[in-house]
PDB file of N, CA and C in Angstrom:
ATOM      1  N   MET A   1       0.826  -1.187   0.000  1.00  0.00           N
ATOM      2  CA  MET A   1       0.000   0.000   0.000  1.00  0.00           C
ATOM      3  C   MET A   1       0.879   1.265   0.000  1.00  0.00           C
ATOM      4  N   LYS A   2       1.986   1.239   0.764  1.00  0.00           N
ATOM      5  CA  LYS A   2       2.879   2.388   0.796  1.00  0.00           C
ATOM      6  C   LYS A   2       3.427   2.699  -0.585  1.00  0.00           C
ATOM      7  N   TYR A   3       3.775   1.641  -1.310  1.00  0.00           N
ATOM      8  CA  TYR A   3       4.355   1.832  -2.638  1.00  0.00           C
ATOM      9  C   TYR A   3       3.332   2.397  -3.615  1.00  0.00           C
ATOM     10  N   LEU A   4       2.087   2.008  -3.475  1.00  0.00           N
ATOM     11  CA  LEU A   4       1.034   2.530  -4.334  1.00  0.00           C
ATOM     12  C   LEU A   4       0.840   4.020  -4.088  1.00  0.00           C
ATOM     13  N   ILE A   5       0.819   4.428  -2.836  1.00  0.00           N
ATOM     14  CA  ILE A   5       0.653   5.839  -2.501  1.00  0.00           C
ATOM     15  C   ILE A   5       1.852   6.649  -3.002  1.00  0.00           C
ATOM     16  N   LEU A   6       3.050   6.112  -2.816  1.00  0.00           N
ATOM     17  CA  LEU A   6       4.254   6.782  -3.301  1.00  0.00           C
ATOM     18  C   LEU A   6       4.228   6.940  -4.821  1.00  0.00           C
ATOM     19  N   PHE A   7       3.791   5.897  -5.514  1.00  0.00           N
ATOM     20  CA  PHE A   7       3.696   5.938  -6.976  1.00  0.00           C
ATOM     21  C   PHE A   7       2.693   6.996  -7.430  1.00  0.00           C
ATOM     22  N   VAL A   8       1.529   7.031  -6.799  1.00  0.00           N
ATOM     23  CA  VAL A   8       0.495   8.011  -7.161  1.00  0.00           C
ATOM     24  C   VAL A   8       0.995   9.434  -6.912  1.00  0.00           C
ATOM     25  N   LEU A   9       1.639   9.667  -5.776  1.00  0.00           N
ATOM     26  CA  LEU A   9       2.166  11.002  -5.487  1.00  0.00           C
ATOM     27  C   LEU A   9       3.243  11.417  -6.487  1.00  0.00           C
ATOM     28  N   THR A  10       4.061  10.472  -6.887  1.00  0.00           N
ATOM     29  CA  THR A  10       5.097  10.758  -7.889  1.00  0.00           C
ATOM     30  C   THR A  10       4.473  11.127  -9.227  1.00  0.00           C
ATOM     31  N   MET A  11       3.442  10.411  -9.620  1.00  0.00           N
ATOM     32  CA  MET A  11       2.766  10.703 -10.894  1.00  0.00           C
ATOM     33  C   MET A  11       2.094  12.073 -10.859  1.00  0.00           C
ATOM     34  N   ILE A  12       1.470  12.406  -9.750  1.00  0.00           N
ATOM     35  CA  ILE A  12       0.805  13.704  -9.632  1.00  0.00           C
ATOM     36  C   ILE A  12       1.824  14.832  -9.701  1.00  0.00           C
ATOM     37  N   SER A  13       2.927  14.691  -8.993  1.00  0.00           N
ATOM     38  CA  SER A  13       3.931  15.765  -8.991  1.00  0.00           C
ATOM     39  C   SER A  13       4.584  15.924 -10.353  1.00  0.00           C
ATOM     40  N   SER A  14       4.804  14.842 -11.088  1.00  0.00           N
ATOM     41  CA  SER A  14       5.406  14.970 -12.420  1.00  0.00           C
ATOM     42  C   SER A  14       4.423  15.561 -13.414  1.00  0.00           C
ATOM     43  N   ALA A  15       3.146  15.261 -13.271  1.00  0.00           N
ATOM     44  CA  ALA A  15       2.138  15.846 -14.165  1.00  0.00           C
ATOM     45  C   ALA A  15       1.991  17.339 -13.906  1.00  0.00           C
ATOM     46  N   ALA A  16       2.074  17.735 -12.652  1.00  0.00           N
ATOM     47  CA  ALA A  16       1.937  19.152 -12.314  1.00  0.00           C
ATOM     48  C   ALA A  16       3.131  19.956 -12.804  1.00  0.00           C
ATOM     49  N   SER A  17       4.310  19.382 -12.807  1.00  0.00           N
ATOM     50  CA  SER A  17       5.488  20.138 -13.229  1.00  0.00           C
ATOM     51  C   SER A  17       5.575  20.283 -14.740  1.00  0.00           C
ATOM     52  N   ALA A  18       4.833  19.493 -15.509  1.00  0.00           N
ATOM     53  CA  ALA A  18       4.884  19.570 -16.959  1.00  0.00           C
ATOM     54  C   ALA A  18       3.957  20.647 -17.520  1.00  0.00           C
ATOM     55  N   ARG A  19       3.075  21.180 -16.715  1.00  0.00           N
ATOM     56  CA  ARG A  19       2.146  22.205 -17.184  1.00  0.00           C
ATOM     57  C   ARG A  19       2.852  23.531 -17.402  1.00  0.00           C
ATOM     58  N   GLU A  20       2.184  24.387 -18.163  1.00  0.00           N
ATOM     59  CA  GLU A  20       2.769  25.708 -18.344  1.00  0.00           C
ATOM     60  C   GLU A  20       2.269  26.628 -17.238  1.00  0.00           C
ATOM     61  N   HIS A  21       3.149  27.456 -16.757  1.00  0.00           N
ATOM     62  CA  HIS A  21       2.832  28.393 -15.695  1.00  0.00           C
ATOM     63  C   HIS A  21       2.462  29.715 -16.357  1.00  0.00           C
ATOM     64  N   GLN A  22       1.317  30.283 -15.957  1.00  0.00           N
ATOM     65  CA  GLN A  22       0.878  31.488 -16.641  1.00  0.00           C
ATOM     66  C   GLN A  22       0.197  32.465 -15.696  1.00  0.00           C
ATOM     67  N   VAL A  23       0.171  33.709 -16.154  1.00  0.00           N
ATOM     68  CA  VAL A  23      -0.486  34.804 -15.453  1.00  0.00           C
ATOM     69  C   VAL A  23      -1.321  35.544 -16.484  1.00  0.00           C
ATOM     70  N   ILE A  24      -2.514  35.958 -16.102  1.00  0.00           N
ATOM     71  CA  ILE A  24      -3.352  36.773 -16.988  1.00  0.00           C
ATOM     72  C   ILE A  24      -3.571  38.113 -16.287  1.00  0.00           C
ATOM     73  N   ASP A  25      -3.306  39.185 -17.033  1.00  0.00           N
ATOM     74  CA  ASP A  25      -3.382  40.528 -16.472  1.00  0.00           C
ATOM     75  C   ASP A  25      -4.046  41.441 -17.500  1.00  0.00           C
ATOM     76  N   THR A  26      -4.533  42.582 -17.063  1.00  0.00           N
ATOM     77  CA  THR A  26      -5.089  43.562 -17.997  1.00  0.00           C
ATOM     78  C   THR A  26      -4.047  44.635 -18.274  1.00  0.00           C
ATOM     79  N   LEU A  27      -3.999  45.056 -19.531  1.00  0.00           N
ATOM     80  CA  LEU A  27      -3.079  46.131 -19.922  1.00  0.00           C
ATOM     81  C   LEU A  27      -3.759  47.489 -19.874  1.00  0.00           C
ATOM     82  N   GLY A  28      -5.071  47.503 -20.016  1.00  0.00           N
ATOM     83  CA  GLY A  28      -5.805  48.756 -20.016  1.00  0.00           C
ATOM     84  C   GLY A  28      -7.174  48.559 -20.638  1.00  0.00           C
ATOM     85  N   SER A  29      -7.925  49.645 -20.711  1.00  0.00           N
ATOM     86  CA  SER A  29      -9.263  49.582 -21.282  1.00  0.00           C
ATOM     87  C   SER A  29      -9.559  50.859 -22.051  1.00  0.00           C
ATOM     88  N   SER A  30     -10.610  50.791 -22.867  1.00  0.00           N
ATOM     89  CA  SER A  30     -11.031  51.970 -23.615  1.00  0.00           C
ATOM     90  C   SER A  30     -11.769  52.924 -22.667  1.00  0.00           C
ATOM     91  N   LYS A  31     -11.999  54.124 -23.139  1.00  0.00           N
ATOM     92  CA  LYS A  31     -12.601  55.157 -22.301  1.00  0.00           C
ATOM     93  C   LYS A  31     -13.969  54.740 -21.750  1.00  0.00           C
ATOM     94  N   LYS A  32     -14.803  54.150 -22.590  1.00  0.00           N
ATOM     95  CA  LYS A  32     -16.143  53.723 -22.173  1.00  0.00           C
ATOM     96  C   LYS A  32     -16.139  52.354 -21.492  1.00  0.00           C
ATOM     97  N   GLY A  33     -14.997  51.666 -21.518  1.00  0.00           N
ATOM     98  CA  GLY A  33     -14.914  50.351 -20.894  1.00  0.00           C
ATOM     99  C   GLY A  33     -15.374  49.208 -21.774  1.00  0.00           C
ATOM    100  N   GLN A  34     -15.631  49.493 -23.049  1.00  0.00           N
ATOM    101  CA  GLN A  34     -16.099  48.443 -23.958  1.00  0.00           C
ATOM    102  C   GLN A  34     -14.990  47.459 -24.297  1.00  0.00           C
ATOM    103  N   TYR A  35     -13.779  47.953 -24.488  1.00  0.00           N
ATOM    104  CA  TYR A  35     -12.660  47.102 -24.890  1.00  0.00           C
ATOM    105  C   TYR A  35     -11.616  47.031 -23.772  1.00  0.00           C
ATOM    106  N   VAL A  36     -11.132  45.810 -23.544  1.00  0.00           N
ATOM    107  CA  VAL A  36     -10.099  45.584 -22.534  1.00  0.00           C
ATOM    108  C   VAL A  36      -9.000  44.739 -23.168  1.00  0.00           C
ATOM    109  N   ALA A  37      -7.756  45.148 -22.955  1.00  0.00           N
ATOM    110  CA  ALA A  37      -6.615  44.378 -23.457  1.00  0.00           C
ATOM    111  C   ALA A  37      -6.159  43.419 -22.368  1.00  0.00           C
ATOM    112  N   LEU A  38      -6.074  42.136 -22.718  1.00  0.00           N
ATOM    113  CA  LEU A  38      -5.624  41.108 -21.797  1.00  0.00           C
ATOM    114  C   LEU A  38      -4.236  40.635 -22.202  1.00  0.00           C
ATOM    115  N   GLU A  39      -3.369  40.491 -21.224  1.00  0.00           N
ATOM    116  CA  GLU A  39      -2.016  39.990 -21.454  1.00  0.00           C
ATOM    117  C   GLU A  39      -1.868  38.678 -20.684  1.00  0.00           C
ATOM    118  N   GLU A  40      -1.569  37.634 -21.407  1.00  0.00           N
ATOM    119  CA  GLU A  40      -1.313  36.325 -20.798  1.00  0.00           C
ATOM    120  C   GLU A  40       0.164  36.026 -21.012  1.00  0.00           C
ATOM    121  N   TYR A  41       0.872  35.710 -19.943  1.00  0.00           N
ATOM    122  CA  TYR A  41       2.297  35.435 -20.091  1.00  0.00           C
ATOM    123  C   TYR A  41       2.723  34.357 -19.100  1.00  0.00           C
ATOM    124  N   GLY A  42       3.846  33.727 -19.417  1.00  0.00           N
ATOM    125  CA  GLY A  42       4.335  32.696 -18.518  1.00  0.00           C
ATOM    126  C   GLY A  42       5.467  31.892 -19.116  1.00  0.00           C
ATOM    127  N   TYR A  43       5.632  30.722 -18.555  1.00  0.00           N
ATOM    128  CA  TYR A  43       6.731  29.826 -18.917  1.00  0.00           C
ATOM    129  C   TYR A  43       6.154  28.508 -19.399  1.00  0.00           C
ATOM    130  N   GLU A  44       6.632  28.035 -20.517  1.00  0.00           N
ATOM    131  CA  GLU A  44       6.219  26.745 -21.064  1.00  0.00           C
ATOM    132  C   GLU A  44       7.388  25.778 -20.910  1.00  0.00           C
ATOM    133  N   GLN A  45       7.222  24.835 -19.999  1.00  0.00           N
ATOM    134  CA  GLN A  45       8.331  23.963 -19.624  1.00  0.00           C
ATOM    135  C   GLN A  45       8.779  23.049 -20.755  1.00  0.00           C
ATOM    136  N   GLN A  46       7.848  22.482 -21.501  1.00  0.00           N
ATOM    137  CA  GLN A  46       8.228  21.545 -22.557  1.00  0.00           C
ATOM    138  C   GLN A  46       9.092  22.189 -23.630  1.00  0.00           C
ATOM    139  N   ARG A  47       8.858  23.460 -23.899  1.00  0.00           N
ATOM    140  CA  ARG A  47       9.644  24.174 -24.913  1.00  0.00           C
ATOM    141  C   ARG A  47      10.762  25.001 -24.299  1.00  0.00           C
ATOM    142  N   HIS A  48      10.812  25.056 -22.963  1.00  0.00           N
ATOM    143  CA  HIS A  48      11.781  25.859 -22.216  1.00  0.00           C
ATOM    144  C   HIS A  48      11.820  27.288 -22.768  1.00  0.00           C
ATOM    145  N   SER A  49      10.619  27.901 -22.785  1.00  0.00           N
ATOM    146  CA  SER A  49      10.513  29.248 -23.341  1.00  0.00           C
ATOM    147  C   SER A  49       9.484  30.061 -22.569  1.00  0.00           C
ATOM    148  N   TYR A  50       9.605  31.373 -22.704  1.00  0.00           N
ATOM    149  CA  TYR A  50       8.622  32.304 -22.178  1.00  0.00           C
ATOM    150  C   TYR A  50       7.675  32.679 -23.309  1.00  0.00           C
ATOM    151  N   PHE A  51       6.404  32.863 -22.971  1.00  0.00           N
ATOM    152  CA  PHE A  51       5.435  33.261 -23.985  1.00  0.00           C
ATOM    153  C   PHE A  51       4.619  34.447 -23.481  1.00  0.00           C
ATOM    154  N   VAL A  52       4.130  35.228 -24.428  1.00  0.00           N
ATOM    155  CA  VAL A  52       3.252  36.354 -24.135  1.00  0.00           C
ATOM    156  C   VAL A  52       2.178  36.384 -25.216  1.00  0.00           C
ATOM    157  N   ARG A  53       0.929  36.515 -24.794  1.00  0.00           N
ATOM    158  CA  ARG A  53      -0.199  36.669 -25.726  1.00  0.00           C
ATOM    159  C   ARG A  53      -0.989  37.896 -25.296  1.00  0.00           C
ATOM    160  N   ILE A  54      -1.267  38.776 -26.243  1.00  0.00           N
ATOM    161  CA  ILE A  54      -2.085  39.954 -25.964  1.00  0.00           C
ATOM    162  C   ILE A  54      -3.302  39.885 -26.873  1.00  0.00           C
ATOM    163  N   LYS A  55      -4.481  39.996 -26.259  1.00  0.00           N
ATOM    164  CA  LYS A  55      -5.748  39.962 -26.993  1.00  0.00           C
ATOM    165  C   LYS A  55      -6.623  41.104 -26.499  1.00  0.00           C
ATOM    166  N   VAL A  56      -7.487  41.567 -27.366  1.00  0.00           N
ATOM    167  CA  VAL A  56      -8.457  42.599 -26.994  1.00  0.00           C
ATOM    168  C   VAL A  56      -9.828  41.956 -26.973  1.00  0.00           C
ATOM    169  N   ILE A  57     -10.563  42.193 -25.896  1.00  0.00           N
ATOM    170  CA  ILE A  57     -11.906  41.630 -25.761  1.00  0.00           C
ATOM    171  C   ILE A  57     -12.925  42.759 -25.695  1.00  0.00           C
ATOM    172  N   ASN A  58     -14.026  42.567 -26.398  1.00  0.00           N
ATOM    173  CA  ASN A  58     -15.165  43.466 -26.308  1.00  0.00           C
ATOM    174  C   ASN A  58     -16.018  42.932 -25.161  1.00  0.00           C
ATOM    175  N   VAL A  59     -15.983  43.588 -24.011  1.00  0.00           N
ATOM    176  CA  VAL A  59     -16.680  43.065 -22.838  1.00  0.00           C
ATOM    177  C   VAL A  59     -18.190  43.185 -22.950  1.00  0.00           C
ATOM    178  N   TRP A  60     -18.676  44.015 -23.863  1.00  0.00           N
ATOM    179  CA  TRP A  60     -20.119  44.132 -24.045  1.00  0.00           C
ATOM    180  C   TRP A  60     -20.679  42.923 -24.770  1.00  0.00           C
ATOM    181  N   THR A  61     -19.880  42.315 -25.654  1.00  0.00           N
ATOM    182  CA  THR A  61     -20.343  41.140 -26.403  1.00  0.00           C
ATOM    183  C   THR A  61     -19.607  39.861 -25.996  1.00  0.00           C
ATOM    184  N   SER A  62     -18.636  39.982 -25.123  1.00  0.00           N
ATOM    185  CA  SER A  62     -17.819  38.846 -24.667  1.00  0.00           C
ATOM    186  C   SER A  62     -17.138  38.116 -25.822  1.00  0.00           C
ATOM    187  N   GLU A  63     -16.611  38.890 -26.777  1.00  0.00           N
ATOM    188  CA  GLU A  63     -15.911  38.318 -27.925  1.00  0.00           C
ATOM    189  C   GLU A  63     -14.553  38.992 -28.079  1.00  0.00           C
ATOM    190  N   TYR A  64     -13.587  38.204 -28.528  1.00  0.00           N
ATOM    191  CA  TYR A  64     -12.280  38.777 -28.855  1.00  0.00           C
ATOM    192  C   TYR A  64     -12.373  39.504 -30.182  1.00  0.00           C
ATOM    193  N   VAL A  65     -11.713  40.643 -30.263  1.00  0.00           N
ATOM    194  CA  VAL A  65     -11.721  41.443 -31.489  1.00  0.00           C
ATOM    195  C   VAL A  65     -10.280  41.721 -31.885  1.00  0.00           C
ATOM    196  N   GLY A  66     -10.101  42.103 -33.135  1.00  0.00           N
ATOM    197  CA  GLY A  66      -8.754  42.421 -33.598  1.00  0.00           C
ATOM    198  C   GLY A  66      -7.896  41.176 -33.717  1.00  0.00           C
ATOM    199  N   ARG A  67      -6.599  41.409 -33.841  1.00  0.00           N
ATOM    200  CA  ARG A  67      -5.689  40.265 -33.990  1.00  0.00           C
ATOM    201  C   ARG A  67      -4.958  40.010 -32.674  1.00  0.00           C
ATOM    202  N   SER A  68      -4.610  38.778 -32.472  1.00  0.00           N
ATOM    203  CA  SER A  68      -3.884  38.361 -31.283  1.00  0.00           C
ATOM    204  C   SER A  68      -2.383  38.522 -31.525  1.00  0.00           C
ATOM    205  N   ILE A  69      -1.674  39.024 -30.531  1.00  0.00           N
ATOM    206  CA  ILE A  69      -0.220  39.190 -30.601  1.00  0.00           C
ATOM    207  C   ILE A  69       0.412  38.055 -29.802  1.00  0.00           C
ATOM    208  N   ASN A  70       1.311  37.305 -30.421  1.00  0.00           N
ATOM    209  CA  ASN A  70       1.980  36.188 -29.763  1.00  0.00           C
ATOM    210  C   ASN A  70       3.494  36.360 -29.880  1.00  0.00           C
ATOM    211  N   VAL A  71       4.175  36.286 -28.750  1.00  0.00           N
ATOM    212  CA  VAL A  71       5.633  36.373 -28.715  1.00  0.00           C
ATOM    213  C   VAL A  71       6.143  35.207 -27.876  1.00  0.00           C
ATOM    214  N   GLU A  72       7.195  34.574 -28.359  1.00  0.00           N
ATOM    215  CA  GLU A  72       7.827  33.488 -27.613  1.00  0.00           C
ATOM    216  C   GLU A  72       9.342  33.663 -27.694  1.00  0.00           C
ATOM    217  N   LEU A  73      10.008  33.585 -26.543  1.00  0.00           N
ATOM    218  CA  LEU A  73      11.466  33.700 -26.476  1.00  0.00           C
ATOM    219  C   LEU A  73      12.025  32.536 -25.660  1.00  0.00           C
ATOM    220  N   PRO A  74      13.190  32.027 -26.042  1.00  0.00           N
ATOM    221  CA  PRO A  74      13.821  30.982 -25.226  1.00  0.00           C
ATOM    222  C   PRO A  74      14.101  31.503 -23.818  1.00  0.00           C
ATOM    223  N   ALA A  75      13.920  30.650 -22.845  1.00  0.00           N
ATOM    224  CA  ALA A  75      14.141  31.031 -21.449  1.00  0.00           C
ATOM    225  C   ALA A  75      15.598  30.790 -21.076  1.00  0.00           C
ATOM    226  N   LEU A  76      16.461  31.670 -21.544  1.00  0.00           N
ATOM    227  CA  LEU A  76      17.887  31.542 -21.270  1.00  0.00           C
ATOM    228  C   LEU A  76      18.305  32.304 -20.017  1.00  0.00           C
ATOM    229  N   ARG A  77      17.702  33.475 -19.808  1.00  0.00           N
ATOM    230  CA  ARG A  77      18.027  34.313 -18.653  1.00  0.00           C
ATOM    231  C   ARG A  77      16.734  34.717 -17.955  1.00  0.00           C
ATOM    232  N   SER A  78      16.850  35.132 -16.727  1.00  0.00           N
ATOM    233  CA  SER A  78      15.655  35.496 -15.963  1.00  0.00           C
ATOM    234  C   SER A  78      14.955  36.732 -16.518  1.00  0.00           C
ATOM    235  N   ASN A  79      15.687  37.634 -17.178  1.00  0.00           N
ATOM    236  CA  ASN A  79      15.055  38.845 -17.712  1.00  0.00           C
ATOM    237  C   ASN A  79      14.463  38.633 -19.113  1.00  0.00           C
ATOM    238  N   ASP A  80      14.531  37.429 -19.665  1.00  0.00           N
ATOM    239  CA  ASP A  80      13.965  37.170 -20.988  1.00  0.00           C
ATOM    240  C   ASP A  80      12.440  37.292 -20.996  1.00  0.00           C
ATOM    241  N   LEU A  81      11.786  36.980 -19.878  1.00  0.00           N
ATOM    242  CA  LEU A  81      10.335  37.156 -19.811  1.00  0.00           C
ATOM    243  C   LEU A  81       9.985  38.630 -19.945  1.00  0.00           C
ATOM    244  N   GLN A  82      10.723  39.493 -19.279  1.00  0.00           N
ATOM    245  CA  GLN A  82      10.470  40.934 -19.379  1.00  0.00           C
ATOM    246  C   GLN A  82      10.694  41.425 -20.810  1.00  0.00           C
ATOM    247  N   LYS A  83      11.718  40.914 -21.473  1.00  0.00           N
ATOM    248  CA  LYS A  83      11.970  41.280 -22.874  1.00  0.00           C
ATOM    249  C   LYS A  83      10.819  40.844 -23.768  1.00  0.00           C
ATOM    250  N   ALA A  84      10.299  39.647 -23.533  1.00  0.00           N
ATOM    251  CA  ALA A  84       9.170  39.150 -24.333  1.00  0.00           C
ATOM    252  C   ALA A  84       7.935  40.004 -24.110  1.00  0.00           C
ATOM    253  N   ARG A  85       7.683  40.405 -22.863  1.00  0.00           N
ATOM    254  CA  ARG A  85       6.529  41.250 -22.570  1.00  0.00           C
ATOM    255  C   ARG A  85       6.659  42.616 -23.232  1.00  0.00           C
ATOM    256  N   GLU A  86       7.845  43.197 -23.193  1.00  0.00           N
ATOM    257  CA  GLU A  86       8.065  44.506 -23.824  1.00  0.00           C
ATOM    258  C   GLU A  86       7.895  44.420 -25.336  1.00  0.00           C
ATOM    259  N   ARG A  87       8.422  43.357 -25.940  1.00  0.00           N
ATOM    260  CA  ARG A  87       8.286  43.177 -27.389  1.00  0.00           C
ATOM    261  C   ARG A  87       6.814  43.023 -27.783  1.00  0.00           C
ATOM    262  N   ALA A  88       6.063  42.257 -27.000  1.00  0.00           N
ATOM    263  CA  ALA A  88       4.641  42.061 -27.295  1.00  0.00           C
ATOM    264  C   ALA A  88       3.873  43.376 -27.200  1.00  0.00           C
ATOM    265  N   LYS A  89       4.198  44.199 -26.215  1.00  0.00           N
ATOM    266  CA  LYS A  89       3.510  45.487 -26.070  1.00  0.00           C
ATOM    267  C   LYS A  89       3.807  46.412 -27.245  1.00  0.00           C
ATOM    268  N   VAL A  90       5.027  46.380 -27.737  1.00  0.00           N
ATOM    269  CA  VAL A  90       5.375  47.189 -28.912  1.00  0.00           C
ATOM    270  C   VAL A  90       4.592  46.699 -30.126  1.00  0.00           C
ATOM    271  N   LEU A  91       4.540  45.381 -30.315  1.00  0.00           N
ATOM    272  CA  LEU A  91       3.816  44.826 -31.456  1.00  0.00           C
ATOM    273  C   LEU A  91       2.307  45.059 -31.353  1.00  0.00           C
ATOM    274  N   ALA A  92       1.782  45.152 -30.151  1.00  0.00           N
ATOM    275  CA  ALA A  92       0.344  45.325 -29.945  1.00  0.00           C
ATOM    276  C   ALA A  92      -0.098  46.779 -29.973  1.00  0.00           C
ATOM    277  N   GLN A  93       0.823  47.706 -30.056  1.00  0.00           N
ATOM    278  CA  GLN A  93       0.475  49.120 -29.943  1.00  0.00           C
ATOM    279  C   GLN A  93      -0.556  49.569 -30.977  1.00  0.00           C
ATOM    280  N   ASP A  94      -0.450  49.100 -32.210  1.00  0.00           N
ATOM    281  CA  ASP A  94      -1.436  49.473 -33.241  1.00  0.00           C
ATOM    282  C   ASP A  94      -2.834  48.993 -32.863  1.00  0.00           C
ATOM    283  N   GLU A  95      -2.942  47.768 -32.359  1.00  0.00           N
ATOM    284  CA  GLU A  95      -4.247  47.228 -31.951  1.00  0.00           C
ATOM    285  C   GLU A  95      -4.794  48.009 -30.750  1.00  0.00           C
ATOM    286  N   LEU A  96      -3.937  48.338 -29.817  1.00  0.00           N
ATOM    287  CA  LEU A  96      -4.387  49.088 -28.638  1.00  0.00           C
ATOM    288  C   LEU A  96      -4.885  50.480 -29.051  1.00  0.00           C
ATOM    289  N   ASN A  97      -4.165  51.120 -29.951  1.00  0.00           N
ATOM    290  CA  ASN A  97      -4.600  52.434 -30.447  1.00  0.00           C
ATOM    291  C   ASN A  97      -5.904  52.337 -31.231  1.00  0.00           C
ATOM    292  N   ARG A  98      -6.024  51.286 -32.011  1.00  0.00           N
ATOM    293  CA  ARG A  98      -7.225  51.078 -32.843  1.00  0.00           C
ATOM    294  C   ARG A  98      -8.493  51.030 -31.989  1.00  0.00           C
ATOM    295  N   PHE A  99      -8.399  50.422 -30.805  1.00  0.00           N
ATOM    296  CA  PHE A  99      -9.570  50.304 -29.940  1.00  0.00           C
ATOM    297  C   PHE A  99      -9.581  51.334 -28.816  1.00  0.00           C
ATOM    298  N   GLY A 100      -8.659  52.276 -28.859  1.00  0.00           N
ATOM    299  CA  GLY A 100      -8.626  53.355 -27.881  1.00  0.00           C
ATOM    300  C   GLY A 100      -8.284  52.892 -26.468  1.00  0.00           C
ATOM    301  N   ILE A 101      -7.422  51.909 -26.381  1.00  0.00           N
ATOM    302  CA  ILE A 101      -7.069  51.354 -25.084  1.00  0.00           C
ATOM    303  C   ILE A 101      -5.852  52.082 -24.511  1.00  0.00           C
ATOM    304  N   ARG A 102      -6.018  52.532 -23.285  1.00  0.00           N
ATOM    305  CA  ARG A 102      -4.944  53.203 -22.563  1.00  0.00           C
ATOM    306  C   ARG A 102      -4.697  52.436 -21.271  1.00  0.00           C
ATOM    307  N   GLY A 103      -3.443  52.338 -20.885  1.00  0.00           N
ATOM    308  CA  GLY A 103      -3.091  51.572 -19.681  1.00  0.00           C
ATOM    309  C   GLY A 103      -2.868  52.375 -18.521  1.00  0.00           C
TER     310      GLY A 103
END
């Protein structure tokens, strides 16, 4: 019985460590609050990389609008996540301006 419990705990811990770790945050919203920019970022263990996704959602219709911005950088240094986030924000600037989103 001890070995079965140990095996199950080992399987659970290995499955949990293979998932991607992520955070979802808001970058800003439009003046009337109709559009909100969402930034999802984190670490993907299988690819050993940092990722950033920026999307704009129309909260009145609960639909994503515009194009999604995706950036992925190898996780070589601890500041690479910050570089990926900055690059994504630069690439998303046209979409943010298009929907009048200010942070």
